[in-house]
Amino acid sequence: MEKLIHPMSYSLLTLRKLRYKLHPLRLFKLFLFIGFLIILFLLLGTTAFKHKELIIETPKEIVILQKTHAFVHSAYFYPVSKSLGNNAIAIVTTMNKRTVDPITDYTIKVHGSMIENRRKRMTNVATLTTEHLLNDRCDYSQVLIQSNLFPGMNKLEIESEGVLTEIPFKMPKYSAPKPVVFCVSPQFAAEQWQTFLTQLHISKRYGAHLQLYIVSMVESYYKLIKEYEKLGLVSIEPWLTIKFPVTDGPYLEPNRNVELRNQAAAHTDCILMYKEAVSFVGILDMDDILIPNNANSYYEEFEREYGGSWFISALQYGKADFETIKVASLEDQSITAIVKNARRLPTKDQGKSFVRPERFNSSWSHYSRNSDDKPMYWTPKQSVPLMMRRKAMRTNNIFHLKNMFLKNLTDVKDGAVPLNPGDNITQLISEDHLAEIDAEMKSILALEPIAKLSATLPKDDYYMPIIFKCYNDSFYHLRDTHTLMNDVTCVNAFDCELPQRADMPCVHSDATYHSGPSMFPITFHWATDALFTNEIGCYQ
């Protein structure tokens, strides 16, 4: 019998001469095994295609670019939530997005525990989302930290590389005065109290509660709002200047390197505060007046426009610019006069969103950047999501009080109610509703604690022209000429010079500021015991 030598010892020329003999049974088993592998590959491929979560992906490497600081504006714990899940935590921060590129890829460990029972503890990984553009020029952004922990926890900590920082938190509201709340952008160097009266009394007539955020305000104007707060008609929240009290090295100043005092963080805080308590949340400025069209309340209009659809993420109302008059005396205030002397301008401003809060956890100044192509899953195994989008309102627009000029009462004319800027057919508001609103406002302004403020309220415009000029020089002229590029200009006016007046004292938000231990890559800072003081002045 010829001795067989392993083919590797042969040259390529002799390999073809070697004769291999396979037993038929072995050949059958070989084909059977190959067929099994092919079927298994096809099955796994089909399953992976249908359920992408079965595909094992290599974890993305997170590159830390620098050591930075973050400010915690607020933190909430939800024992029960319609949209966040039970035992959820949500932390609103201003964070340096140059820490990681992109910052939303960074993950943070959060710990929940019970002070009275140290064994009761849970750790989870939180997700980060932002309403600001990741590629814009501002170094600091609104960042929302979200996770879920366990029932009854009363201590919240953030961890990095074994170092823990305790973050104070509070409960959200589970009840509210009205089914609709309007979140008003942070006010600074605010003096035009006539706009507040117009906003409050119109929104009250149509069923919305006002939530105000205040940085600084003329003191007499602040006292007026405080009297309305005592009546339960408005809620006030101090909006704090960002401070990092204790640091272990230089850092980029946050307030002049974030978009407009981080209005997005204030709107996000408002949504999180009220999301379990109300049916609708509106994001607007103090001079954005919304009047329902062919509806007796905001709730009626919003329900009608959503129409029970799951495909509408938010209602987007355009803003039509108007100029009108105002008078300086408190006792002569008339919303009828403001409306009937309004003249529509040829310009429009970017609109505002009104949302079902269970569909959003955050918002930018004009709308949530998560509102278009927002994925919606009906079942855990659904592979292709349905998409929600904003609904552009065609039959109604916001009545934007862009300019209000002081007039003597004798010069105020009795004009006509303008047309609704949305459909340009119906009246903006009915005469009956105007009379009703004015009658109620006058009865409140006649209350003694409010009436005695008349002599101290501002009688002319001082800060508004200064702020408008600064805003125009900083970015409005770029926006209006369509040359504003987010990756070149950080929309911010923190460096505006605001001269102080001894005869016009102001209140300013303040608090006790705290710094956590130094952590890598992010050290956290926060504030407690927020208040208003008259020792700072009218600054941002």
Protein backbone atom coordinates (compact mmCIF):
# COMPACT_ATOMS: atom_id res chain seq x y z
CA MET A 1 0.00 0.00 0.00
CA GLU A 2 1.34 3.35 -1.02
CA LYS A 3 2.25 5.64 1.83
CA LEU A 4 0.36 9.00 1.76
CA ILE A 5 2.27 12.11 2.64
CA HIS A 6 0.42 15.30 3.84
CA PRO A 7 -0.23 17.58 0.84
CA MET A 8 1.67 20.46 2.46
CA SER A 9 4.85 18.54 1.79
CA TYR A 10 4.11 18.48 -1.91
CA SER A 11 4.73 21.18 -4.44
CA LEU A 12 1.87 22.80 -6.30
CA LEU A 13 2.74 20.77 -9.32
CA THR A 14 2.36 17.45 -7.54
CA LEU A 15 -0.82 18.35 -5.63
CA ARG A 16 -2.97 17.60 -8.65
CA LYS A 17 -1.58 14.06 -8.80
CA LEU A 18 -2.75 13.24 -5.27
CA ARG A 19 -5.93 11.23 -5.19
CA TYR A 20 -8.35 11.73 -2.28
CA LYS A 21 -11.03 9.19 -1.51
CA LEU A 22 -14.06 10.14 0.66
CA HIS A 23 -16.54 7.66 2.05
CA PRO A 24 -20.08 8.37 0.74
CA LEU A 25 -21.42 8.65 4.33
CA ARG A 26 -18.79 11.23 5.23
CA LEU A 27 -19.60 13.16 2.08
CA PHE A 28 -23.31 13.18 3.02
CA LYS A 29 -22.50 14.44 6.54
CA LEU A 30 -20.29 17.17 5.10
CA PHE A 31 -23.05 18.44 2.81
CA LEU A 32 -25.55 18.21 5.68
CA PHE A 33 -23.29 20.31 7.93
CA ILE A 34 -22.74 22.96 5.23
CA GLY A 35 -26.50 23.15 4.64
CA PHE A 36 -27.11 23.57 8.37
CA LEU A 37 -24.63 26.47 8.49
CA ILE A 38 -26.31 28.18 5.52
CA ILE A 39 -29.79 27.88 7.08
CA LEU A 40 -28.51 29.14 10.46
CA PHE A 41 -26.85 32.13 8.78
CA LEU A 42 -30.03 33.01 6.91
CA LEU A 43 -32.17 32.73 10.05
CA LEU A 44 -29.84 34.91 12.09
CA GLY A 45 -29.60 37.45 9.31
CA THR A 46 -33.40 37.70 9.00
CA THR A 47 -33.87 38.02 12.77
CA ALA A 48 -31.18 40.67 13.04
CA PHE A 49 -32.78 42.60 10.20
CA LYS A 50 -36.18 42.55 11.92
CA HIS A 51 -34.81 43.20 15.40
CA LYS A 52 -31.83 45.48 15.12
CA GLU A 53 -31.26 45.27 18.84
CA LEU A 54 -29.82 41.76 18.35
CA ILE A 55 -26.93 43.16 16.34
CA ILE A 56 -23.94 43.40 18.62
CA GLU A 57 -22.21 46.71 18.09
CA THR A 58 -18.83 47.74 19.38
CA PRO A 59 -19.31 50.46 22.04
CA LYS A 60 -18.42 53.88 20.71
CA GLU A 61 -15.27 55.28 22.21
CA ILE A 62 -15.94 58.44 24.21
CA VAL A 63 -13.09 60.93 23.95
CA ILE A 64 -12.88 63.44 26.80
CA LEU A 65 -11.70 66.75 25.32
CA GLN A 66 -11.31 68.83 28.48
CA LYS A 67 -12.22 69.21 32.14
CA THR A 68 -15.25 71.51 32.55
CA HIS A 69 -18.00 72.74 34.87
CA ALA A 70 -21.79 72.45 34.81
CA PHE A 71 -24.52 74.35 36.64
CA VAL A 72 -27.64 72.56 37.88
CA HIS A 73 -30.72 74.77 37.51
CA SER A 74 -33.17 72.24 38.93
CA ALA A 75 -33.68 68.53 39.56
CA TYR A 76 -37.00 66.69 39.83
CA PHE A 77 -38.00 63.26 41.13
CA TYR A 78 -41.21 61.72 39.75
CA PRO A 79 -42.70 58.88 41.83
CA VAL A 80 -45.29 58.58 39.05
CA SER A 81 -45.09 60.01 35.54
CA LYS A 82 -47.20 59.69 32.40
CA SER A 83 -44.18 59.84 30.12
CA LEU A 84 -40.89 59.59 32.05
CA GLY A 85 -41.67 56.29 33.74
CA ASN A 86 -42.05 55.79 37.46
CA ASN A 87 -39.31 56.85 39.89
CA ALA A 88 -37.79 59.08 37.22
CA ILE A 89 -35.25 61.81 37.76
CA ALA A 90 -34.69 64.80 35.48
CA ILE A 91 -31.85 67.28 36.00
CA VAL A 92 -31.76 70.59 34.07
CA THR A 93 -28.22 71.88 33.55
CA THR A 94 -26.07 74.35 31.68
CA MET A 95 -23.11 72.28 30.52
CA ASN A 96 -20.01 72.94 28.45
CA LYS A 97 -20.67 70.94 25.30
CA ARG A 98 -16.97 70.96 24.38
CA THR A 99 -16.38 68.40 27.14
CA VAL A 100 -17.21 65.56 24.75
CA ASP A 101 -17.98 65.72 21.05
CA PRO A 102 -20.92 65.33 20.93
CA ILE A 103 -21.93 65.94 24.54
CA THR A 104 -25.01 63.73 24.12
CA ASP A 105 -22.73 60.69 23.74
CA TYR A 106 -21.45 61.15 27.28
CA THR A 107 -23.11 59.03 29.96
CA ILE A 108 -23.41 59.88 33.65
CA LYS A 109 -23.93 57.54 36.59
CA VAL A 110 -26.66 58.59 39.01
CA HIS A 111 -27.25 57.10 42.45
CA GLY A 112 -30.48 57.07 44.41
CA SER A 113 -30.52 56.15 48.08
CA MET A 114 -32.38 56.54 51.37
CA ILE A 115 -30.62 58.54 54.07
CA GLU A 116 -32.17 56.46 56.85
CA ASN A 117 -31.26 53.15 55.18
CA ARG A 118 -27.81 53.09 53.57
CA ARG A 119 -28.38 49.60 52.18
CA LYS A 120 -31.25 50.87 50.07
CA ARG A 121 -29.34 52.14 47.06
CA MET A 122 -29.54 51.99 43.29
CA THR A 123 -27.20 53.06 40.51
CA ASN A 124 -28.22 53.71 36.93
CA VAL A 125 -26.80 55.25 33.78
CA ALA A 126 -28.43 58.52 32.72
CA THR A 127 -28.95 59.77 29.18
CA LEU A 128 -28.12 63.31 28.03
CA THR A 129 -30.19 65.36 25.58
CA THR A 130 -30.04 69.00 24.52
CA GLU A 131 -32.29 71.56 22.85
CA HIS A 132 -29.35 73.56 21.52
CA LEU A 133 -27.57 72.85 18.26
CA LEU A 134 -24.47 70.74 18.78
CA ASN A 135 -22.55 72.72 16.18
CA ASP A 136 -23.48 76.27 17.24
CA ARG A 137 -20.92 78.79 18.42
CA CYS A 138 -22.03 78.91 22.07
CA ASP A 139 -19.79 76.73 24.21
CA TYR A 140 -22.44 76.14 26.88
CA SER A 141 -25.75 74.42 26.21
CA GLN A 142 -28.90 73.34 27.95
CA VAL A 143 -28.45 69.65 28.79
CA LEU A 144 -31.14 67.44 30.36
CA ILE A 145 -29.99 64.43 32.41
CA GLN A 146 -32.60 61.65 32.69
CA SER A 147 -32.78 58.26 34.39
CA ASN A 148 -34.98 56.08 36.61
CA LEU A 149 -34.21 54.94 40.16
CA PHE A 150 -36.39 53.47 42.94
CA PRO A 151 -39.45 54.40 45.04
CA GLY A 152 -38.98 56.47 48.16
CA MET A 153 -35.44 57.64 47.42
CA ASN A 154 -34.54 60.88 49.18
CA LYS A 155 -30.93 61.35 48.18
CA LEU A 156 -29.65 61.91 44.63
CA GLU A 157 -25.99 61.77 43.67
CA ILE A 158 -23.94 62.04 40.48
CA GLU A 159 -20.81 59.91 40.23
CA SER A 160 -17.66 60.09 38.17
CA GLU A 161 -14.64 57.85 38.75
CA GLY A 162 -15.74 57.05 42.27
CA VAL A 163 -16.35 60.68 43.31
CA LEU A 164 -19.92 61.52 44.35
CA THR A 165 -21.78 64.85 44.34
CA GLU A 166 -25.15 65.15 46.06
CA ILE A 167 -27.71 67.15 44.04
CA PRO A 168 -30.79 68.63 45.79
CA PHE A 169 -34.06 67.77 44.08
CA LYS A 170 -37.75 68.55 44.41
CA MET A 171 -41.07 67.06 43.40
CA PRO A 172 -42.95 68.31 40.32
CA LYS A 173 -46.44 69.75 40.58
CA TYR A 174 -49.30 67.27 40.42
CA SER A 175 -51.99 69.95 40.41
CA ALA A 176 -52.28 73.42 38.86
CA PRO A 177 -54.77 76.32 38.93
CA LYS A 178 -55.66 75.84 35.24
CA PRO A 179 -55.36 73.02 32.67
CA VAL A 180 -53.05 75.24 30.59
CA VAL A 181 -49.84 76.93 31.74
CA PHE A 182 -47.83 79.53 29.84
CA CYS A 183 -44.08 79.49 30.51
CA VAL A 184 -42.75 83.03 30.05
CA SER A 185 -39.10 83.56 29.12
CA PRO A 186 -36.79 84.95 31.84
CA GLN A 187 -37.27 88.69 32.34
CA PHE A 188 -34.29 90.99 32.93
CA ALA A 189 -34.22 94.75 33.49
CA ALA A 190 -37.98 94.48 32.98
CA GLU A 191 -39.96 97.71 33.26
CA GLN A 192 -42.91 97.53 30.83
CA TRP A 193 -45.61 96.50 33.28
CA GLN A 194 -48.40 97.28 30.80
CA THR A 195 -47.36 94.20 28.80
CA PHE A 196 -47.67 92.04 31.90
CA LEU A 197 -51.22 93.28 32.58
CA THR A 198 -52.20 92.60 28.96
CA GLN A 199 -50.69 89.11 29.00
CA LEU A 200 -52.08 88.13 32.38
CA HIS A 201 -55.66 89.31 31.92
CA ILE A 202 -56.06 87.93 28.40
CA SER A 203 -54.51 84.57 29.28
CA LYS A 204 -56.64 84.43 32.45
CA ARG A 205 -59.82 85.05 30.45
CA TYR A 206 -59.05 82.10 28.19
CA GLY A 207 -57.93 79.68 30.89
CA ALA A 208 -54.12 79.77 31.24
CA HIS A 209 -51.94 80.21 34.32
CA LEU A 210 -48.73 82.28 33.97
CA GLN A 211 -45.38 80.94 35.16
CA LEU A 212 -42.81 83.75 35.18
CA TYR A 213 -39.02 83.49 35.43
CA ILE A 214 -37.33 86.68 36.64
CA VAL A 215 -33.66 87.68 36.55
CA SER A 216 -34.10 91.38 37.34
CA MET A 217 -36.97 93.84 37.33
CA VAL A 218 -37.83 97.39 38.38
CA GLU A 219 -38.87 97.10 42.04
CA SER A 220 -42.32 98.69 41.74
CA TYR A 221 -43.14 96.40 38.77
CA TYR A 222 -42.00 93.42 40.86
CA LYS A 223 -44.28 94.51 43.71
CA LEU A 224 -47.19 94.65 41.25
CA ILE A 225 -46.54 91.07 40.15
CA LYS A 226 -46.21 89.95 43.79
CA GLU A 227 -49.69 91.29 44.50
CA TYR A 228 -51.04 89.26 41.58
CA GLU A 229 -49.16 86.24 42.93
CA LYS A 230 -50.97 86.66 46.27
CA LEU A 231 -54.25 86.45 44.32
CA GLY A 232 -53.10 83.13 42.81
CA LEU A 233 -53.03 84.54 39.28
CA VAL A 234 -49.32 84.11 38.55
CA SER A 235 -46.36 82.06 39.79
CA ILE A 236 -42.83 83.45 40.05
CA GLU A 237 -39.51 81.63 39.89
CA PRO A 238 -36.12 83.36 40.31
CA TRP A 239 -33.91 82.71 37.26
CA LEU A 240 -30.36 82.66 38.54
CA THR A 241 -27.12 83.92 37.09
CA ILE A 242 -24.82 80.93 36.50
CA LYS A 243 -21.95 80.81 39.00
CA PHE A 244 -19.16 78.33 39.71
CA PRO A 245 -18.19 79.35 43.29
CA VAL A 246 -15.19 77.04 43.80
CA THR A 247 -12.98 75.79 40.96
CA ASP A 248 -9.53 74.26 40.77
CA GLY A 249 -8.46 76.18 37.68
CA PRO A 250 -9.53 78.67 35.01
CA TYR A 251 -12.78 78.13 33.11
CA LEU A 252 -14.79 79.72 30.33
CA GLU A 253 -17.34 82.21 31.73
CA PRO A 254 -20.76 80.62 31.12
CA ASN A 255 -23.23 83.53 31.07
CA ARG A 256 -21.74 85.23 28.00
CA ASN A 257 -21.15 81.91 26.24
CA VAL A 258 -24.68 80.48 26.31
CA GLU A 259 -27.64 81.44 24.15
CA LEU A 260 -29.71 84.24 25.74
CA ARG A 261 -29.36 83.42 29.46
CA ASN A 262 -30.20 79.82 28.51
CA GLN A 263 -33.90 80.44 27.98
CA ALA A 264 -34.13 76.82 26.84
CA ALA A 265 -33.24 75.68 30.36
CA ALA A 266 -36.01 77.85 31.84
CA HIS A 267 -38.59 76.48 29.39
CA THR A 268 -37.38 72.96 30.08
CA ASP A 269 -37.71 73.53 33.82
CA CYS A 270 -41.27 74.79 33.31
CA ILE A 271 -42.29 71.74 31.25
CA LEU A 272 -40.80 69.40 33.86
CA MET A 273 -42.46 71.31 36.71
CA TYR A 274 -45.96 71.12 35.21
CA LYS A 275 -45.89 68.05 32.94
CA GLU A 276 -47.91 65.90 35.36
CA ALA A 277 -50.33 68.69 36.33
CA VAL A 278 -51.63 70.29 33.13
CA SER A 279 -52.96 69.30 29.72
CA PHE A 280 -51.05 71.89 27.68
CA VAL A 281 -47.90 74.00 28.07
CA GLY A 282 -47.17 77.13 26.05
CA ILE A 283 -43.67 78.54 25.45
CA LEU A 284 -43.71 82.30 24.92
CA ASP A 285 -42.35 85.77 25.72
CA MET A 286 -44.21 88.32 27.82
CA ASP A 287 -45.25 90.29 24.71
CA ASP A 288 -46.60 87.22 22.88
CA ILE A 289 -50.38 87.46 23.23
CA LEU A 290 -52.39 84.45 22.05
CA ILE A 291 -56.15 84.84 21.63
CA PRO A 292 -58.17 81.72 20.69
CA ASN A 293 -59.89 81.81 17.30
CA ASN A 294 -63.45 80.44 17.21
CA ALA A 295 -62.99 78.95 20.67
CA ASN A 296 -63.89 80.12 24.15
CA SER A 297 -60.68 78.89 25.78
CA TYR A 298 -57.14 77.76 25.03
CA TYR A 299 -58.05 74.24 26.09
CA GLU A 300 -60.88 74.13 23.57
CA GLU A 301 -58.68 75.40 20.73
CA PHE A 302 -55.73 73.12 21.51
CA GLU A 303 -57.94 70.03 21.83
CA ARG A 304 -59.64 70.89 18.55
CA GLU A 305 -56.35 71.38 16.71
CA TYR A 306 -54.73 68.22 18.08
CA GLY A 307 -57.92 66.34 17.24
CA GLY A 308 -56.79 63.29 19.20
CA SER A 309 -53.97 62.70 16.72
CA TRP A 310 -50.79 60.93 17.80
CA PHE A 311 -49.00 62.28 14.74
CA ILE A 312 -49.02 65.92 15.95
CA SER A 313 -46.14 66.65 18.29
CA ALA A 314 -46.88 70.35 18.90
CA LEU A 315 -48.98 73.26 17.68
CA GLN A 316 -46.76 75.92 16.12
CA TYR A 317 -48.23 79.44 16.09
CA GLY A 318 -46.65 82.15 13.96
CA LYS A 319 -45.99 85.64 15.38
CA ALA A 320 -47.38 88.71 13.63
CA ASP A 321 -45.72 91.97 14.70
CA PHE A 322 -47.90 94.87 15.86
CA GLU A 323 -47.25 98.34 17.24
CA THR A 324 -49.68 99.98 19.62
CA ILE A 325 -50.02 102.46 22.47
CA LYS A 326 -49.76 102.38 26.25
CA VAL A 327 -50.57 104.88 28.98
CA ALA A 328 -48.51 105.59 32.08
CA SER A 329 -51.18 105.69 34.78
CA LEU A 330 -52.26 102.46 36.44
CA GLU A 331 -55.88 103.50 36.91
CA ASP A 332 -56.28 104.33 33.19
CA GLN A 333 -55.17 100.95 31.86
CA SER A 334 -57.34 99.64 29.04
CA ILE A 335 -56.69 96.48 27.06
CA THR A 336 -59.44 97.62 24.71
CA ALA A 337 -57.38 100.70 23.88
CA ILE A 338 -54.22 98.62 23.37
CA VAL A 339 -56.03 96.27 20.96
CA LYS A 340 -58.00 98.92 19.06
CA ASN A 341 -54.95 101.12 18.54
CA ALA A 342 -52.80 98.25 17.26
CA ARG A 343 -51.38 98.51 13.76
CA ARG A 344 -49.99 95.49 12.01
CA LEU A 345 -46.38 95.73 10.84
CA PRO A 346 -45.07 94.10 7.65
CA THR A 347 -42.65 91.91 9.66
CA LYS A 348 -43.10 88.56 11.35
CA ASP A 349 -41.12 86.87 14.08
CA GLN A 350 -40.31 83.23 14.67
CA GLY A 351 -43.30 81.48 16.19
CA LYS A 352 -43.91 79.66 19.45
CA SER A 353 -45.02 76.15 20.39
CA PHE A 354 -47.90 74.90 22.51
CA VAL A 355 -47.58 71.26 23.47
CA ARG A 356 -49.00 68.28 25.29
CA PRO A 357 -46.36 67.97 28.04
CA GLU A 358 -46.43 64.16 28.06
CA ARG A 359 -44.87 64.29 24.57
CA PHE A 360 -41.95 66.52 25.58
CA ASN A 361 -39.43 66.79 28.37
CA SER A 362 -37.68 69.93 27.13
CA SER A 363 -37.98 72.87 24.74
CA TRP A 364 -35.93 75.51 22.97
CA SER A 365 -37.06 79.16 22.96
CA HIS A 366 -39.41 78.75 19.99
CA TYR A 367 -40.10 75.03 19.81
CA SER A 368 -38.54 71.75 20.83
CA ARG A 369 -35.86 70.64 18.42
CA ASN A 370 -37.14 67.12 19.09
CA SER A 371 -40.61 67.96 17.79
CA ASP A 372 -40.14 67.10 14.10
CA ASP A 373 -39.63 63.48 13.06
CA LYS A 374 -40.13 62.51 16.67
CA PRO A 375 -40.24 58.67 16.70
CA MET A 376 -43.21 56.92 18.27
CA TYR A 377 -43.25 53.22 19.21
CA TRP A 378 -46.49 51.40 19.96
CA THR A 379 -44.92 48.10 21.04
CA PRO A 380 -41.48 47.07 22.36
CA LYS A 381 -40.88 44.93 19.25
CA GLN A 382 -41.83 47.63 16.73
CA SER A 383 -38.85 48.04 14.41
CA VAL A 384 -40.03 50.99 12.28
CA PRO A 385 -41.37 53.93 14.34
CA LEU A 386 -44.19 56.24 13.38
CA MET A 387 -43.23 59.91 13.19
CA MET A 388 -44.75 62.94 14.89
CA ARG A 389 -44.38 66.48 13.52
CA ARG A 390 -45.35 70.02 14.49
CA LYS A 391 -48.63 71.32 13.13
CA ALA A 392 -48.34 74.81 11.64
CA MET A 393 -51.39 76.84 12.65
CA ARG A 394 -53.01 78.44 9.59
CA THR A 395 -56.09 80.05 11.18
CA ASN A 396 -54.48 81.79 14.16
CA ASN A 397 -51.26 83.67 14.96
CA ILE A 398 -49.76 85.32 18.02
CA PHE A 399 -50.57 89.01 18.53
CA HIS A 400 -46.98 90.19 19.12
CA LEU A 401 -46.71 93.55 20.90
CA LYS A 402 -43.39 94.41 19.29
CA ASN A 403 -43.58 98.16 19.97
CA MET A 404 -45.66 100.01 22.56
CA PHE A 405 -45.50 103.82 22.49
CA LEU A 406 -46.43 105.99 25.47
CA LYS A 407 -49.42 108.25 24.84
CA ASN A 408 -51.30 110.77 26.90
CA LEU A 409 -54.76 109.53 27.74
CA THR A 410 -56.29 112.44 25.81
CA ASP A 411 -54.47 111.33 22.65
CA VAL A 412 -55.75 107.75 22.74
CA LYS A 413 -58.18 107.15 19.89
CA ASP A 414 -61.02 104.66 19.73
CA GLY A 415 -60.07 102.51 16.75
CA ALA A 416 -61.29 99.13 15.50
CA VAL A 417 -60.35 95.62 16.53
CA PRO A 418 -57.79 94.34 13.99
CA LEU A 419 -58.23 91.15 12.03
CA ASN A 420 -56.79 87.90 13.29
CA PRO A 421 -53.30 87.70 11.74
CA GLY A 422 -53.78 84.00 11.07
CA ASP A 423 -56.82 83.87 8.81
CA ASN A 424 -57.10 87.65 8.10
CA ILE A 425 -60.89 87.25 8.18
CA THR A 426 -62.16 87.01 11.73
CA GLN A 427 -61.77 89.66 14.40
CA LEU A 428 -58.74 89.25 16.67
CA ILE A 429 -61.03 89.32 19.72
CA SER A 430 -64.70 90.02 20.30
CA GLU A 431 -65.93 93.32 21.73
CA ASP A 432 -67.76 91.43 24.49
CA HIS A 433 -64.61 89.64 25.60
CA LEU A 434 -62.66 92.91 25.61
CA ALA A 435 -65.28 94.54 27.83
CA GLU A 436 -65.25 91.53 30.15
CA ILE A 437 -61.44 91.54 30.41
CA ASP A 438 -61.25 95.28 31.07
CA ALA A 439 -63.95 95.16 33.74
CA GLU A 440 -62.12 92.42 35.64
CA MET A 441 -58.75 94.15 35.31
CA LYS A 442 -60.11 97.44 36.65
CA SER A 443 -61.65 95.70 39.65
CA ILE A 444 -58.28 94.13 40.52
CA LEU A 445 -56.30 97.34 39.93
CA ALA A 446 -58.69 99.12 42.30
CA LEU A 447 -57.65 96.85 45.20
CA GLU A 448 -55.83 98.96 47.78
CA PRO A 449 -52.46 97.09 47.82
CA ILE A 450 -52.29 97.43 44.02
CA ALA A 451 -53.75 100.91 43.63
CA LYS A 452 -51.14 102.43 45.96
CA LEU A 453 -48.37 101.26 43.58
CA SER A 454 -49.59 103.63 40.87
CA ALA A 455 -47.27 106.49 41.84
CA THR A 456 -44.13 104.33 41.82
CA LEU A 457 -44.54 102.38 38.56
CA PRO A 458 -42.30 103.52 35.65
CA LYS A 459 -43.82 106.37 33.65
CA ASP A 460 -41.36 106.26 30.75
CA ASP A 461 -39.11 103.82 28.90
CA TYR A 462 -35.54 103.67 30.17
CA TYR A 463 -34.15 100.14 29.88
CA MET A 464 -36.15 98.97 26.84
CA PRO A 465 -34.46 101.26 24.26
CA ILE A 466 -31.03 100.37 25.67
CA ILE A 467 -31.72 96.63 25.50
CA PHE A 468 -33.25 96.84 22.02
CA LYS A 469 -30.24 98.73 20.68
CA CYS A 470 -27.84 96.26 22.27
CA TYR A 471 -29.77 93.29 20.89
CA ASN A 472 -29.87 94.89 17.46
CA ASP A 473 -26.14 95.59 17.50
CA SER A 474 -25.38 92.07 18.79
CA PHE A 475 -27.53 89.90 16.54
CA TYR A 476 -30.91 91.31 15.43
CA HIS A 477 -29.35 93.08 12.44
CA LEU A 478 -27.73 89.79 11.41
CA ARG A 479 -31.01 87.91 11.78
CA ASP A 480 -33.02 90.50 9.86
CA THR A 481 -30.52 90.50 6.98
CA HIS A 482 -30.42 86.69 6.95
CA THR A 483 -26.70 86.64 7.74
CA LEU A 484 -26.91 85.17 11.25
CA MET A 485 -24.96 81.90 11.27
CA ASN A 486 -25.19 79.83 14.43
CA ASP A 487 -21.76 78.32 13.96
CA VAL A 488 -20.20 81.81 13.83
CA THR A 489 -22.22 83.92 16.30
CA CYS A 490 -23.31 82.96 19.81
CA VAL A 491 -26.65 84.74 20.26
CA ASN A 492 -25.93 86.44 23.55
CA ALA A 493 -26.11 89.98 24.93
CA PHE A 494 -24.65 89.49 28.39
CA ASP A 495 -22.16 92.30 27.78
CA CYS A 496 -24.90 94.89 27.25
CA GLU A 497 -24.20 97.97 29.37
CA LEU A 498 -27.20 98.70 31.59
CA PRO A 499 -26.74 102.04 33.41
CA GLN A 500 -28.39 102.06 36.83
CA ARG A 501 -30.74 104.78 38.06
CA ALA A 502 -30.94 105.75 41.72
CA ASP A 503 -34.60 106.74 41.29
CA MET A 504 -35.45 103.36 39.71
CA PRO A 505 -34.39 100.61 42.15
CA CYS A 506 -34.46 97.03 40.92
CA VAL A 507 -34.72 93.57 42.38
CA HIS A 508 -32.44 90.79 41.16
CA SER A 509 -32.47 87.04 41.69
CA ASP A 510 -29.88 85.60 44.05
CA ALA A 511 -29.23 82.43 46.03
CA THR A 512 -26.71 80.52 48.11
CA TYR A 513 -24.33 78.92 45.60
CA HIS A 514 -22.59 75.56 46.13
CA SER A 515 -19.80 73.61 44.43
CA GLY A 516 -19.41 69.87 44.51
CA PRO A 517 -16.04 68.14 44.85
CA SER A 518 -13.71 68.30 41.88
CA MET A 519 -14.72 65.61 39.38
CA PHE A 520 -13.47 64.47 35.99
CA PRO A 521 -14.50 65.48 33.44
CA ILE A 522 -17.39 67.59 34.85
CA THR A 523 -17.62 69.32 38.22
CA PHE A 524 -21.17 70.23 39.23
CA HIS A 525 -22.40 73.43 40.90
CA TRP A 526 -25.88 74.41 42.11
CA ALA A 527 -27.82 76.88 44.25
CA THR A 528 -30.27 76.76 47.16
CA ASP A 529 -32.54 79.24 48.94
CA ALA A 530 -33.25 81.36 45.84
CA LEU A 531 -34.63 84.82 46.53
CA PHE A 532 -34.93 88.37 45.21
CA THR A 533 -32.72 91.15 46.53
CA ASN A 534 -32.53 94.91 45.93
CA GLU A 535 -28.76 94.97 46.49
CA ILE A 536 -27.60 93.96 42.99
CA GLY A 537 -29.45 96.14 40.48
CA CYS A 538 -30.97 95.74 37.01
CA TYR A 539 -28.46 93.45 35.36
CA GLN A 540 -28.66 90.17 33.47
